[in-house]
């Protein structure tokens, strides 16, 4: 396994991050999540590979994702050997001071720890002043409940304004950005990603394999997730006829180098300066593949070939307004 610093901090994270949306009580958010025993096995295998970075959220599977992760870590390793990230936003009060102080305590309790390595705001909150949110996050760092902070999908100007507010007040600035980024969705290359690189902020994209569409030659798969994941359909199926050209090229390069398609897609991420793509896996073998992808090196010609068919997409990730309270799954295809 290879490691890198998270932003400008001294926190060392593996170049592969475990996405914990795959863990939790089935039916509480998704139908395809792993139960506690299966989650424990997958998390233990990731740790055996040297992966130390785990990303969850307060709203994943009604909090059971955090619970399963916390128990698995206790079963397999010591707390100081792992980097745990969780998120706040899809909760009453969004990113208000009161909500942040309440939600961090709930997260720490479910994880069974007294501190969080990385606390991310899950989206931009249109109802709470930026200064209130950044001051509340800074307070968590100062009292030792959180080591570093970050943000998730939002518009570049929003992230920039929040960073400036923190800088101008002497508060803790963001060290990480968890945005939507893969070969089928590259809209953040216009603004958000350049801002992050300018500010020394680590990129830890979610959905690096486009919910499996960059991991197989066929767009759909006969799996429980593929059949029931309405969010993935909402994010990707509208541009299927264009994006199939990209998946075809991923497959061509995979055959050329004798590797898996997923490994080509992940190698592209690291070549683009990503610190740790988030792998949401339901099988331990998926982490074997992701770890091995670190040895796949793409040429400049390979990268240009993969990127050439891309066409602009509608924004998926950043939101224009706060959703109704209680809504967790965005971009759903309800057909």
C-alpha atoms as a PDB file:
ATOM      1  CA  UNK A   1       0.000   0.000   0.000  1.00  0.00           C
ATOM      2  CA  UNK A   2       1.096   3.578  -0.644  1.00  0.00           C
ATOM      3  CA  UNK A   3       0.331   6.549   1.596  1.00  0.00           C
ATOM      4  CA  UNK A   4       0.091  10.328   1.354  1.00  0.00           C
ATOM      5  CA  UNK A   5      -0.493  13.266   3.654  1.00  0.00           C
ATOM      6  CA  UNK A   6      -4.028  14.568   3.904  1.00  0.00           C
ATOM      7  CA  UNK A   7      -3.853  18.134   2.634  1.00  0.00           C
ATOM      8  CA  UNK A   8      -1.263  20.103   4.602  1.00  0.00           C
ATOM      9  CA  UNK A   9      -1.754  18.003   7.749  1.00  0.00           C
ATOM     10  CA  UNK A  10       0.495  15.275   9.136  1.00  0.00           C
ATOM     11  CA  UNK A  11      -2.322  12.722   8.806  1.00  0.00           C
ATOM     12  CA  UNK A  12      -1.109   9.807   6.654  1.00  0.00           C
ATOM     13  CA  UNK A  13      -3.818   8.145   4.582  1.00  0.00           C
ATOM     14  CA  UNK A  14      -3.668   5.135   2.298  1.00  0.00           C
ATOM     15  CA  UNK A  15      -4.022   5.914  -1.407  1.00  0.00           C
ATOM     16  CA  UNK A  16      -7.193   3.805  -1.341  1.00  0.00           C
ATOM     17  CA  UNK A  17     -10.110   4.835   0.878  1.00  0.00           C
ATOM     18  CA  UNK A  18     -12.851   2.420   1.973  1.00  0.00           C
ATOM     19  CA  UNK A  19     -16.298   3.829   1.252  1.00  0.00           C
ATOM     20  CA  UNK A  20     -18.537   2.738   4.110  1.00  0.00           C
ATOM     21  CA  UNK A  21     -21.871   3.430   2.439  1.00  0.00           C
ATOM     22  CA  UNK A  22     -21.626  -0.273   1.536  1.00  0.00           C
ATOM     23  CA  UNK A  23     -21.991  -1.214   5.211  1.00  0.00           C
ATOM     24  CA  UNK A  24     -25.141  -0.997   7.289  1.00  0.00           C
ATOM     25  CA  UNK A  25     -28.573  -2.441   7.897  1.00  0.00           C
ATOM     26  CA  UNK A  26     -30.126  -3.281   4.530  1.00  0.00           C
ATOM     27  CA  UNK A  27     -33.315  -1.376   3.801  1.00  0.00           C
ATOM     28  CA  UNK A  28     -32.489   1.532   6.088  1.00  0.00           C
ATOM     29  CA  UNK A  29     -30.979   3.390   3.128  1.00  0.00           C
ATOM     30  CA  UNK A  30     -30.075   0.926   0.365  1.00  0.00           C
ATOM     31  CA  UNK A  31     -31.164  -2.669  -0.176  1.00  0.00           C
ATOM     32  CA  UNK A  32     -27.676  -3.931  -1.048  1.00  0.00           C
ATOM     33  CA  UNK A  33     -25.608  -2.978   2.018  1.00  0.00           C
ATOM     34  CA  UNK A  34     -23.654  -5.593   3.993  1.00  0.00           C
ATOM     35  CA  UNK A  35     -24.742  -6.771   7.423  1.00  0.00           C
ATOM     36  CA  UNK A  36     -22.483  -6.481  10.475  1.00  0.00           C
ATOM     37  CA  UNK A  37     -20.663  -9.797  10.028  1.00  0.00           C
ATOM     38  CA  UNK A  38     -20.031  -9.287   6.308  1.00  0.00           C
ATOM     39  CA  UNK A  39     -18.939  -5.690   6.918  1.00  0.00           C
ATOM     40  CA  UNK A  40     -16.466  -6.921   9.534  1.00  0.00           C
ATOM     41  CA  UNK A  41     -14.913  -9.363   7.074  1.00  0.00           C
ATOM     42  CA  UNK A  42     -14.513  -6.777   4.308  1.00  0.00           C
ATOM     43  CA  UNK A  43     -13.103  -4.133   6.684  1.00  0.00           C
ATOM     44  CA  UNK A  44     -10.684  -6.666   8.168  1.00  0.00           C
ATOM     45  CA  UNK A  45      -9.453  -7.605   4.702  1.00  0.00           C
ATOM     46  CA  UNK A  46      -8.921  -3.956   3.769  1.00  0.00           C
ATOM     47  CA  UNK A  47      -6.850  -3.484   6.925  1.00  0.00           C
ATOM     48  CA  UNK A  48      -4.776  -6.562   6.050  1.00  0.00           C
ATOM     49  CA  UNK A  49      -3.913  -4.877   2.732  1.00  0.00           C
ATOM     50  CA  UNK A  50      -2.594  -1.824   4.551  1.00  0.00           C
ATOM     51  CA  UNK A  51      -5.632   0.351   3.846  1.00  0.00           C
ATOM     52  CA  UNK A  52      -6.098   2.682   6.815  1.00  0.00           C
ATOM     53  CA  UNK A  53      -8.604   5.241   5.476  1.00  0.00           C
ATOM     54  CA  UNK A  54     -12.358   4.778   6.047  1.00  0.00           C
ATOM     55  CA  UNK A  55     -15.120   7.179   5.018  1.00  0.00           C
ATOM     56  CA  UNK A  56     -18.636   7.014   6.457  1.00  0.00           C
ATOM     57  CA  UNK A  57     -21.427   9.490   7.340  1.00  0.00           C
ATOM     58  CA  UNK A  58     -23.963  10.092  10.071  1.00  0.00           C
ATOM     59  CA  UNK A  59     -26.824   9.342   7.688  1.00  0.00           C
ATOM     60  CA  UNK A  60     -25.500   6.165   6.054  1.00  0.00           C
ATOM     61  CA  UNK A  61     -28.001   3.399   6.771  1.00  0.00           C
ATOM     62  CA  UNK A  62     -29.512   5.326   9.689  1.00  0.00           C
ATOM     63  CA  UNK A  63     -26.200   5.374  11.570  1.00  0.00           C
ATOM     64  CA  UNK A  64     -25.533   1.639  11.329  1.00  0.00           C
ATOM     65  CA  UNK A  65     -22.644   2.204   8.903  1.00  0.00           C
ATOM     66  CA  UNK A  66     -20.781   4.099  11.627  1.00  0.00           C
ATOM     67  CA  UNK A  67     -21.696   1.424  14.184  1.00  0.00           C
ATOM     68  CA  UNK A  68     -20.455  -1.459  12.027  1.00  0.00           C
ATOM     69  CA  UNK A  69     -17.239   0.384  11.171  1.00  0.00           C
ATOM     70  CA  UNK A  70     -16.476   1.199  14.790  1.00  0.00           C
ATOM     71  CA  UNK A  71     -16.993  -2.395  15.913  1.00  0.00           C
ATOM     72  CA  UNK A  72     -14.901  -3.816  13.068  1.00  0.00           C
ATOM     73  CA  UNK A  73     -11.986  -1.507  13.849  1.00  0.00           C
ATOM     74  CA  UNK A  74     -12.074  -2.608  17.493  1.00  0.00           C
ATOM     75  CA  UNK A  75     -12.082  -6.245  16.347  1.00  0.00           C
ATOM     76  CA  UNK A  76      -9.090  -5.909  14.034  1.00  0.00           C
ATOM     77  CA  UNK A  77      -6.755  -3.082  15.036  1.00  0.00           C
ATOM     78  CA  UNK A  78      -6.104  -0.186  17.391  1.00  0.00           C
ATOM     79  CA  UNK A  79      -7.723   3.218  16.930  1.00  0.00           C
ATOM     80  CA  UNK A  80      -4.462   5.030  16.250  1.00  0.00           C
ATOM     81  CA  UNK A  81      -3.760   2.815  13.221  1.00  0.00           C
ATOM     82  CA  UNK A  82      -6.729   4.072  11.218  1.00  0.00           C
ATOM     83  CA  UNK A  83      -7.992   7.344   9.770  1.00  0.00           C
ATOM     84  CA  UNK A  84     -11.765   7.701  10.111  1.00  0.00           C
ATOM     85  CA  UNK A  85     -13.788  10.245   8.162  1.00  0.00           C
ATOM     86  CA  UNK A  86     -17.461  10.973   8.701  1.00  0.00           C
ATOM     87  CA  UNK A  87     -19.889  13.632   7.524  1.00  0.00           C
ATOM     88  CA  UNK A  88     -22.600  16.039   8.648  1.00  0.00           C
ATOM     89  CA  UNK A  89     -25.420  17.781   6.735  1.00  0.00           C
ATOM     90  CA  UNK A  90     -28.305  15.371   6.068  1.00  0.00           C
ATOM     91  CA  UNK A  91     -29.682  15.946   9.555  1.00  0.00           C
ATOM     92  CA  UNK A  92     -31.976  18.407  11.314  1.00  0.00           C
ATOM     93  CA  UNK A  93     -30.364  21.835  11.406  1.00  0.00           C
ATOM     94  CA  UNK A  94     -27.944  20.994   8.560  1.00  0.00           C
ATOM     95  CA  UNK A  95     -24.663  22.828   9.306  1.00  0.00           C
ATOM     96  CA  UNK A  96     -25.795  25.105  12.120  1.00  0.00           C
ATOM     97  CA  UNK A  97     -23.607  25.337  15.222  1.00  0.00           C
ATOM     98  CA  UNK A  98     -26.196  23.443  17.237  1.00  0.00           C
ATOM     99  CA  UNK A  99     -26.496  20.677  14.644  1.00  0.00           C
ATOM    100  CA  UNK A 100     -22.736  20.232  14.221  1.00  0.00           C
ATOM    101  CA  UNK A 101     -22.178  19.990  17.994  1.00  0.00           C
ATOM    102  CA  UNK A 102     -25.028  17.496  18.319  1.00  0.00           C
ATOM    103  CA  UNK A 103     -24.140  15.356  15.315  1.00  0.00           C
ATOM    104  CA  UNK A 104     -20.435  14.981  16.109  1.00  0.00           C
ATOM    105  CA  UNK A 105     -21.333  13.500  19.484  1.00  0.00           C
ATOM    106  CA  UNK A 106     -23.722  11.032  17.851  1.00  0.00           C
ATOM    107  CA  UNK A 107     -21.072  10.044  15.315  1.00  0.00           C
ATOM    108  CA  UNK A 108     -18.400   9.533  17.968  1.00  0.00           C
ATOM    109  CA  UNK A 109     -20.773   7.435  20.069  1.00  0.00           C
ATOM    110  CA  UNK A 110     -21.735   5.192  17.142  1.00  0.00           C
ATOM    111  CA  UNK A 111     -18.089   4.767  16.129  1.00  0.00           C
ATOM    112  CA  UNK A 112     -17.048   4.092  19.715  1.00  0.00           C
ATOM    113  CA  UNK A 113     -14.238   6.643  19.651  1.00  0.00           C
ATOM    114  CA  UNK A 114     -13.538   9.980  21.333  1.00  0.00           C
ATOM    115  CA  UNK A 115     -12.200  11.718  18.232  1.00  0.00           C
ATOM    116  CA  UNK A 116     -12.632  11.800  14.468  1.00  0.00           C
ATOM    117  CA  UNK A 117      -9.670  12.194  12.121  1.00  0.00           C
ATOM    118  CA  UNK A 118     -11.616  13.989   9.399  1.00  0.00           C
ATOM    119  CA  UNK A 119     -15.039  15.656   9.586  1.00  0.00           C
ATOM    120  CA  UNK A 120     -16.625  16.574   6.273  1.00  0.00           C
ATOM    121  CA  UNK A 121     -19.611  18.765   5.519  1.00  0.00           C
ATOM    122  CA  UNK A 122     -21.685  16.568   3.224  1.00  0.00           C
ATOM    123  CA  UNK A 123     -23.069  19.431   1.105  1.00  0.00           C
ATOM    124  CA  UNK A 124     -23.270  23.239   1.153  1.00  0.00           C
ATOM    125  CA  UNK A 125     -25.941  24.578   3.513  1.00  0.00           C
ATOM    126  CA  UNK A 126     -27.985  27.404   2.006  1.00  0.00           C
ATOM    127  CA  UNK A 127     -29.661  28.253   5.326  1.00  0.00           C
ATOM    128  CA  UNK A 128     -26.696  28.656   7.671  1.00  0.00           C
ATOM    129  CA  UNK A 129     -24.165  31.505   7.444  1.00  0.00           C
ATOM    130  CA  UNK A 130     -20.735  30.300   6.323  1.00  0.00           C
ATOM    131  CA  UNK A 131     -19.099  31.897   9.365  1.00  0.00           C
ATOM    132  CA  UNK A 132     -21.322  29.980  11.773  1.00  0.00           C
ATOM    133  CA  UNK A 133     -20.422  26.662  10.151  1.00  0.00           C
ATOM    134  CA  UNK A 134     -16.683  27.318   9.930  1.00  0.00           C
ATOM    135  CA  UNK A 135     -16.514  28.594  13.528  1.00  0.00           C
ATOM    136  CA  UNK A 136     -18.331  25.485  14.767  1.00  0.00           C
ATOM    137  CA  UNK A 137     -15.977  23.174  12.854  1.00  0.00           C
ATOM    138  CA  UNK A 138     -12.942  25.073  14.126  1.00  0.00           C
ATOM    139  CA  UNK A 139     -14.214  24.675  17.703  1.00  0.00           C
ATOM    140  CA  UNK A 140     -14.343  20.895  17.257  1.00  0.00           C
ATOM    141  CA  UNK A 141     -10.705  20.918  16.192  1.00  0.00           C
ATOM    142  CA  UNK A 142      -9.664  23.128  19.109  1.00  0.00           C
ATOM    143  CA  UNK A 143     -11.330  20.895  21.709  1.00  0.00           C
ATOM    144  CA  UNK A 144      -9.863  17.717  20.190  1.00  0.00           C
ATOM    145  CA  UNK A 145     -13.002  16.026  18.892  1.00  0.00           C
ATOM    146  CA  UNK A 146     -11.811  16.405  15.269  1.00  0.00           C
ATOM    147  CA  UNK A 147      -8.287  16.444  13.826  1.00  0.00           C
ATOM    148  CA  UNK A 148      -9.034  17.907  10.379  1.00  0.00           C
ATOM    149  CA  UNK A 149     -12.027  19.106   8.381  1.00  0.00           C
ATOM    150  CA  UNK A 150     -13.143  18.809   4.787  1.00  0.00           C
ATOM    151  CA  UNK A 151     -16.063  19.294   2.442  1.00  0.00           C
ATOM    152  CA  UNK A 152     -18.016  17.258  -0.065  1.00  0.00           C
ATOM    153  CA  UNK A 153     -19.725  18.013  -3.372  1.00  0.00           C
ATOM    154  CA  UNK A 154     -20.410  21.722  -3.883  1.00  0.00           C
ATOM    155  CA  UNK A 155     -19.693  24.527  -6.327  1.00  0.00           C
ATOM    156  CA  UNK A 156     -16.184  25.906  -6.534  1.00  0.00           C
ATOM    157  CA  UNK A 157     -17.154  29.402  -5.420  1.00  0.00           C
ATOM    158  CA  UNK A 158     -18.865  28.000  -2.312  1.00  0.00           C
ATOM    159  CA  UNK A 159     -15.792  26.035  -1.286  1.00  0.00           C
ATOM    160  CA  UNK A 160     -13.553  29.040  -1.988  1.00  0.00           C
ATOM    161  CA  UNK A 161     -15.734  31.353   0.097  1.00  0.00           C
ATOM    162  CA  UNK A 162     -15.727  28.953   3.026  1.00  0.00           C
ATOM    163  CA  UNK A 163     -11.942  28.635   2.867  1.00  0.00           C
ATOM    164  CA  UNK A 164     -11.562  32.428   2.793  1.00  0.00           C
ATOM    165  CA  UNK A 165     -13.888  32.828   5.781  1.00  0.00           C
ATOM    166  CA  UNK A 166     -11.748  30.378   7.757  1.00  0.00           C
ATOM    167  CA  UNK A 167      -8.513  32.043   6.677  1.00  0.00           C
ATOM    168  CA  UNK A 168      -9.729  35.551   7.461  1.00  0.00           C
ATOM    169  CA  UNK A 169     -10.856  34.571  10.968  1.00  0.00           C
ATOM    170  CA  UNK A 170      -7.864  32.386  11.777  1.00  0.00           C
ATOM    171  CA  UNK A 171     -10.032  29.246  11.855  1.00  0.00           C
ATOM    172  CA  UNK A 172      -9.180  25.737  10.663  1.00  0.00           C
ATOM    173  CA  UNK A 173      -9.348  25.420   6.885  1.00  0.00           C
ATOM    174  CA  UNK A 174     -10.493  22.432   4.854  1.00  0.00           C
ATOM    175  CA  UNK A 175      -7.869  19.763   4.143  1.00  0.00           C
ATOM    176  CA  UNK A 176      -9.927  17.440   1.934  1.00  0.00           C
ATOM    177  CA  UNK A 177     -12.601  17.493  -0.762  1.00  0.00           C
ATOM    178  CA  UNK A 178     -14.873  14.495  -1.361  1.00  0.00           C
ATOM    179  CA  UNK A 179     -16.381  15.317  -4.729  1.00  0.00           C
ATOM    180  CA  UNK A 180     -18.025  13.407  -7.550  1.00  0.00           C
ATOM    181  CA  UNK A 181     -15.258  12.627 -10.041  1.00  0.00           C
ATOM    182  CA  UNK A 182     -14.555   9.846 -12.524  1.00  0.00           C
ATOM    183  CA  UNK A 183     -13.981   9.306 -16.248  1.00  0.00           C
ATOM    184  CA  UNK A 184     -17.727   9.634 -16.888  1.00  0.00           C
ATOM    185  CA  UNK A 185     -18.159  12.798 -14.812  1.00  0.00           C
ATOM    186  CA  UNK A 186     -15.475  15.494 -14.946  1.00  0.00           C
ATOM    187  CA  UNK A 187     -17.377  18.756 -14.453  1.00  0.00           C
ATOM    188  CA  UNK A 188     -15.343  19.681 -11.367  1.00  0.00           C
ATOM    189  CA  UNK A 189     -12.247  20.064 -13.538  1.00  0.00           C
ATOM    190  CA  UNK A 190     -13.526  23.537 -14.475  1.00  0.00           C
ATOM    191  CA  UNK A 191     -13.453  25.177 -11.038  1.00  0.00           C
ATOM    192  CA  UNK A 192     -13.538  23.033  -7.901  1.00  0.00           C
ATOM    193  CA  UNK A 193     -10.528  20.810  -8.559  1.00  0.00           C
ATOM    194  CA  UNK A 194      -8.192  23.677  -9.591  1.00  0.00           C
ATOM    195  CA  UNK A 195      -9.209  25.560  -6.430  1.00  0.00           C
ATOM    196  CA  UNK A 196      -8.436  22.501  -4.295  1.00  0.00           C
ATOM    197  CA  UNK A 197      -5.041  22.046  -5.911  1.00  0.00           C
ATOM    198  CA  UNK A 198      -4.248  25.745  -5.495  1.00  0.00           C
ATOM    199  CA  UNK A 199      -5.082  25.505  -1.789  1.00  0.00           C
ATOM    200  CA  UNK A 200      -3.276  22.234  -1.108  1.00  0.00           C
ATOM    201  CA  UNK A 201      -6.519  20.352  -0.456  1.00  0.00           C
ATOM    202  CA  UNK A 202      -6.509  16.572  -0.975  1.00  0.00           C
ATOM    203  CA  UNK A 203      -8.997  15.061  -3.400  1.00  0.00           C
ATOM    204  CA  UNK A 204     -10.847  11.946  -2.219  1.00  0.00           C
ATOM    205  CA  UNK A 205     -13.543  11.459  -4.893  1.00  0.00           C
ATOM    206  CA  UNK A 206     -16.597   9.327  -4.397  1.00  0.00           C
ATOM    207  CA  UNK A 207     -17.906   7.058  -7.153  1.00  0.00           C
ATOM    208  CA  UNK A 208     -14.512   6.705  -8.910  1.00  0.00           C
ATOM    209  CA  UNK A 209     -15.855   3.704 -10.836  1.00  0.00           C
ATOM    210  CA  UNK A 210     -19.234   5.313 -11.642  1.00  0.00           C
ATOM    211  CA  UNK A 211     -21.114   2.688  -9.626  1.00  0.00           C
ATOM    212  CA  UNK A 212     -19.418  -0.107 -11.549  1.00  0.00           C
ATOM    213  CA  UNK A 213     -19.937   1.297 -15.023  1.00  0.00           C
ATOM    214  CA  UNK A 214     -16.171   1.762 -15.386  1.00  0.00           C
ATOM    215  CA  UNK A 215     -15.482  -1.748 -14.095  1.00  0.00           C
ATOM    216  CA  UNK A 216     -17.225  -3.890 -16.713  1.00  0.00           C
ATOM    217  CA  UNK A 217     -17.712  -3.896 -20.500  1.00  0.00           C
ATOM    218  CA  UNK A 218     -21.503  -4.080 -20.108  1.00  0.00           C
ATOM    219  CA  UNK A 219     -23.296  -1.030 -18.716  1.00  0.00           C
ATOM    220  CA  UNK A 220     -25.562  -3.036 -16.413  1.00  0.00           C
ATOM    221  CA  UNK A 221     -24.875  -6.048 -14.217  1.00  0.00           C
ATOM    222  CA  UNK A 222     -27.153  -8.679 -12.740  1.00  0.00           C
ATOM    223  CA  UNK A 223     -26.352  -7.817  -9.144  1.00  0.00           C
ATOM    224  CA  UNK A 224     -28.602  -6.705  -6.308  1.00  0.00           C
ATOM    225  CA  UNK A 225     -26.991  -3.273  -6.324  1.00  0.00           C
ATOM    226  CA  UNK A 226     -27.285  -2.813 -10.079  1.00  0.00           C
ATOM    227  CA  UNK A 227     -30.949  -3.837  -9.976  1.00  0.00           C
ATOM    228  CA  UNK A 228     -31.930  -1.673  -7.001  1.00  0.00           C
ATOM    229  CA  UNK A 229     -29.555   1.336  -6.945  1.00  0.00           C
ATOM    230  CA  UNK A 230     -31.850   4.121  -8.161  1.00  0.00           C
ATOM    231  CA  UNK A 231     -29.288   6.784  -7.266  1.00  0.00           C
ATOM    232  CA  UNK A 232     -26.689   5.287  -9.608  1.00  0.00           C
ATOM    233  CA  UNK A 233     -29.242   5.120 -12.404  1.00  0.00           C
ATOM    234  CA  UNK A 234     -30.138   8.750 -11.813  1.00  0.00           C
ATOM    235  CA  UNK A 235     -26.493   9.806 -11.921  1.00  0.00           C
ATOM    236  CA  UNK A 236     -25.350   7.918 -14.993  1.00  0.00           C
ATOM    237  CA  UNK A 237     -28.009   6.388 -17.198  1.00  0.00           C
ATOM    238  CA  UNK A 238     -29.144   9.636 -18.827  1.00  0.00           C
ATOM    239  CA  UNK A 239     -25.825   9.916 -20.692  1.00  0.00           C
ATOM    240  CA  UNK A 240     -25.339   6.229 -21.374  1.00  0.00           C
ATOM    241  CA  UNK A 241     -25.143   6.471 -25.175  1.00  0.00           C
ATOM    242  CA  UNK A 242     -22.277   8.981 -24.975  1.00  0.00           C
ATOM    243  CA  UNK A 243     -20.445   7.461 -22.046  1.00  0.00           C
ATOM    244  CA  UNK A 244     -20.341   3.962 -23.516  1.00  0.00           C
ATOM    245  CA  UNK A 245     -17.596   5.289 -25.805  1.00  0.00           C
ATOM    246  CA  UNK A 246     -15.480   5.994 -22.729  1.00  0.00           C
ATOM    247  CA  UNK A 247     -16.116   2.620 -21.096  1.00  0.00           C
ATOM    248  CA  UNK A 248     -15.159   0.971 -24.389  1.00  0.00           C
ATOM    249  CA  UNK A 249     -11.788   2.743 -24.290  1.00  0.00           C
ATOM    250  CA  UNK A 250     -11.269   1.757 -20.657  1.00  0.00           C
ATOM    251  CA  UNK A 251     -11.850  -1.851 -21.698  1.00  0.00           C
ATOM    252  CA  UNK A 252      -9.427  -1.532 -24.618  1.00  0.00           C
ATOM    253  CA  UNK A 253      -6.643  -0.269 -22.361  1.00  0.00           C
ATOM    254  CA  UNK A 254      -7.416  -2.940 -19.764  1.00  0.00           C
ATOM    255  CA  UNK A 255      -6.946  -5.608 -22.434  1.00  0.00           C
ATOM    256  CA  UNK A 256      -3.783  -3.887 -23.708  1.00  0.00           C
ATOM    257  CA  UNK A 257      -2.153  -3.929 -20.262  1.00  0.00           C
ATOM    258  CA  UNK A 258      -3.663  -7.203 -19.070  1.00  0.00           C
ATOM    259  CA  UNK A 259      -5.421  -5.623 -16.099  1.00  0.00           C
ATOM    260  CA  UNK A 260      -9.000  -5.037 -14.974  1.00  0.00           C
ATOM    261  CA  UNK A 261     -11.098  -2.133 -16.216  1.00  0.00           C
ATOM    262  CA  UNK A 262     -11.480  -0.852 -12.669  1.00  0.00           C
ATOM    263  CA  UNK A 263      -7.699  -0.673 -12.364  1.00  0.00           C
ATOM    264  CA  UNK A 264      -7.445   1.517 -15.464  1.00  0.00           C
ATOM    265  CA  UNK A 265     -10.153   3.830 -14.084  1.00  0.00           C
ATOM    266  CA  UNK A 266      -8.356   4.095 -10.726  1.00  0.00           C
ATOM    267  CA  UNK A 267      -4.936   4.583 -12.323  1.00  0.00           C
ATOM    268  CA  UNK A 268      -6.442   7.527 -14.209  1.00  0.00           C
ATOM    269  CA  UNK A 269      -7.564   9.029 -10.882  1.00  0.00           C
ATOM    270  CA  UNK A 270      -4.079   8.926  -9.371  1.00  0.00           C
ATOM    271  CA  UNK A 271      -2.595  10.267 -12.610  1.00  0.00           C
ATOM    272  CA  UNK A 272      -4.953  13.264 -12.268  1.00  0.00           C
ATOM    273  CA  UNK A 273      -3.618  14.091  -8.801  1.00  0.00           C
ATOM    274  CA  UNK A 274      -6.241  12.369  -6.663  1.00  0.00           C
ATOM    275  CA  UNK A 275      -4.986  11.416  -3.190  1.00  0.00           C
ATOM    276  CA  UNK A 276      -7.388   8.586  -2.352  1.00  0.00           C
ATOM    277  CA  UNK A 277     -10.399   7.523  -4.435  1.00  0.00           C
ATOM    278  CA  UNK A 278     -13.193   6.104  -2.296  1.00  0.00           C
ATOM    279  CA  UNK A 279     -13.944   2.470  -3.118  1.00  0.00           C
ATOM    280  CA  UNK A 280     -17.405   1.357  -2.074  1.00  0.00           C
ATOM    281  CA  UNK A 281     -17.074  -2.421  -2.184  1.00  0.00           C
ATOM    282  CA  UNK A 282     -19.313  -5.273  -1.152  1.00  0.00           C
ATOM    283  CA  UNK A 283     -16.625  -7.922  -1.795  1.00  0.00           C
ATOM    284  CA  UNK A 284     -13.208  -8.146  -0.161  1.00  0.00           C
ATOM    285  CA  UNK A 285     -11.657  -8.987  -3.541  1.00  0.00           C
ATOM    286  CA  UNK A 286     -12.531  -5.506  -4.794  1.00  0.00           C
ATOM    287  CA  UNK A 287      -9.888  -4.113  -2.441  1.00  0.00           C
ATOM    288  CA  UNK A 288      -7.285  -6.567  -3.748  1.00  0.00           C
ATOM    289  CA  UNK A 289      -7.953  -5.165  -7.196  1.00  0.00           C
ATOM    290  CA  UNK A 290      -7.852  -1.542  -6.017  1.00  0.00           C
ATOM    291  CA  UNK A 291      -4.567  -2.050  -4.172  1.00  0.00           C
ATOM    292  CA  UNK A 292      -2.994  -3.707  -7.223  1.00  0.00           C
ATOM    293  CA  UNK A 293      -4.123  -0.768  -9.379  1.00  0.00           C
ATOM    294  CA  UNK A 294      -1.478   1.367  -7.686  1.00  0.00           C
ATOM    295  CA  UNK A 295       1.076  -0.420  -9.876  1.00  0.00           C
ATOM    296  CA  UNK A 296      -0.734   0.461 -13.121  1.00  0.00           C
ATOM    297  CA  UNK A 297       0.883   3.432 -14.834  1.00  0.00           C
ATOM    298  CA  UNK A 298      -0.831   5.218 -17.710  1.00  0.00           C
ATOM    299  CA  UNK A 299       1.035   7.197 -20.340  1.00  0.00           C
ATOM    300  CA  UNK A 300       0.045  10.706 -21.369  1.00  0.00           C
ATOM    301  CA  UNK A 301      -1.279   9.162 -24.583  1.00  0.00           C
ATOM    302  CA  UNK A 302      -3.414   6.707 -22.603  1.00  0.00           C
ATOM    303  CA  UNK A 303      -4.910   9.522 -20.546  1.00  0.00           C
ATOM    304  CA  UNK A 304      -5.687  11.615 -23.619  1.00  0.00           C
ATOM    305  CA  UNK A 305      -7.294   8.586 -25.283  1.00  0.00           C
ATOM    306  CA  UNK A 306      -9.532   7.940 -22.261  1.00  0.00           C
ATOM    307  CA  UNK A 307     -10.578  11.577 -21.965  1.00  0.00           C
ATOM    308  CA  UNK A 308     -11.121  12.474 -25.623  1.00  0.00           C
ATOM    309  CA  UNK A 309     -14.785  11.297 -26.008  1.00  0.00           C
ATOM    310  CA  UNK A 310     -16.028  13.224 -22.940  1.00  0.00           C
ATOM    311  CA  UNK A 311     -18.917  15.643 -23.408  1.00  0.00           C
ATOM    312  CA  UNK A 312     -20.243  18.149 -20.832  1.00  0.00           C
ATOM    313  CA  UNK A 313     -22.692  16.672 -18.320  1.00  0.00           C
ATOM    314  CA  UNK A 314     -25.363  18.157 -16.100  1.00  0.00           C
ATOM    315  CA  UNK A 315     -24.160  18.885 -12.578  1.00  0.00           C
ATOM    316  CA  UNK A 316     -24.460  15.840 -10.325  1.00  0.00           C
ATOM    317  CA  UNK A 317     -23.261  16.235  -6.751  1.00  0.00           C
ATOM    318  CA  UNK A 318     -23.383  19.967  -6.020  1.00  0.00           C
ATOM    319  CA  UNK A 319     -26.909  21.150  -5.223  1.00  0.00           C
ATOM    320  CA  UNK A 320     -28.712  24.461  -5.836  1.00  0.00           C
ATOM    321  CA  UNK A 321     -30.804  24.398  -2.658  1.00  0.00           C
ATOM    322  CA  UNK A 322     -31.219  22.395   0.518  1.00  0.00           C
ATOM    323  CA  UNK A 323     -33.434  19.347  -0.085  1.00  0.00           C
ATOM    324  CA  UNK A 324     -36.476  18.746   2.070  1.00  0.00           C
ATOM    325  CA  UNK A 325     -35.627  17.581   5.579  1.00  0.00           C
ATOM    326  CA  UNK A 326     -35.315  13.822   5.749  1.00  0.00           C
ATOM    327  CA  UNK A 327     -34.114  13.462   2.157  1.00  0.00           C
ATOM    328  CA  UNK A 328     -30.824  11.555   2.018  1.00  0.00           C
ATOM    329  CA  UNK A 329     -30.709  10.084  -1.465  1.00  0.00           C
ATOM    330  CA  UNK A 330     -30.128  12.742  -4.123  1.00  0.00           C
ATOM    331  CA  UNK A 331     -30.239  12.272  -7.919  1.00  0.00           C
ATOM    332  CA  UNK A 332     -32.609   9.337  -7.634  1.00  0.00           C
ATOM    333  CA  UNK A 333     -34.208   7.894 -10.741  1.00  0.00           C
ATOM    334  CA  UNK A 334     -37.666   7.025  -9.443  1.00  0.00           C
ATOM    335  CA  UNK A 335     -38.896   5.347 -12.605  1.00  0.00           C
END
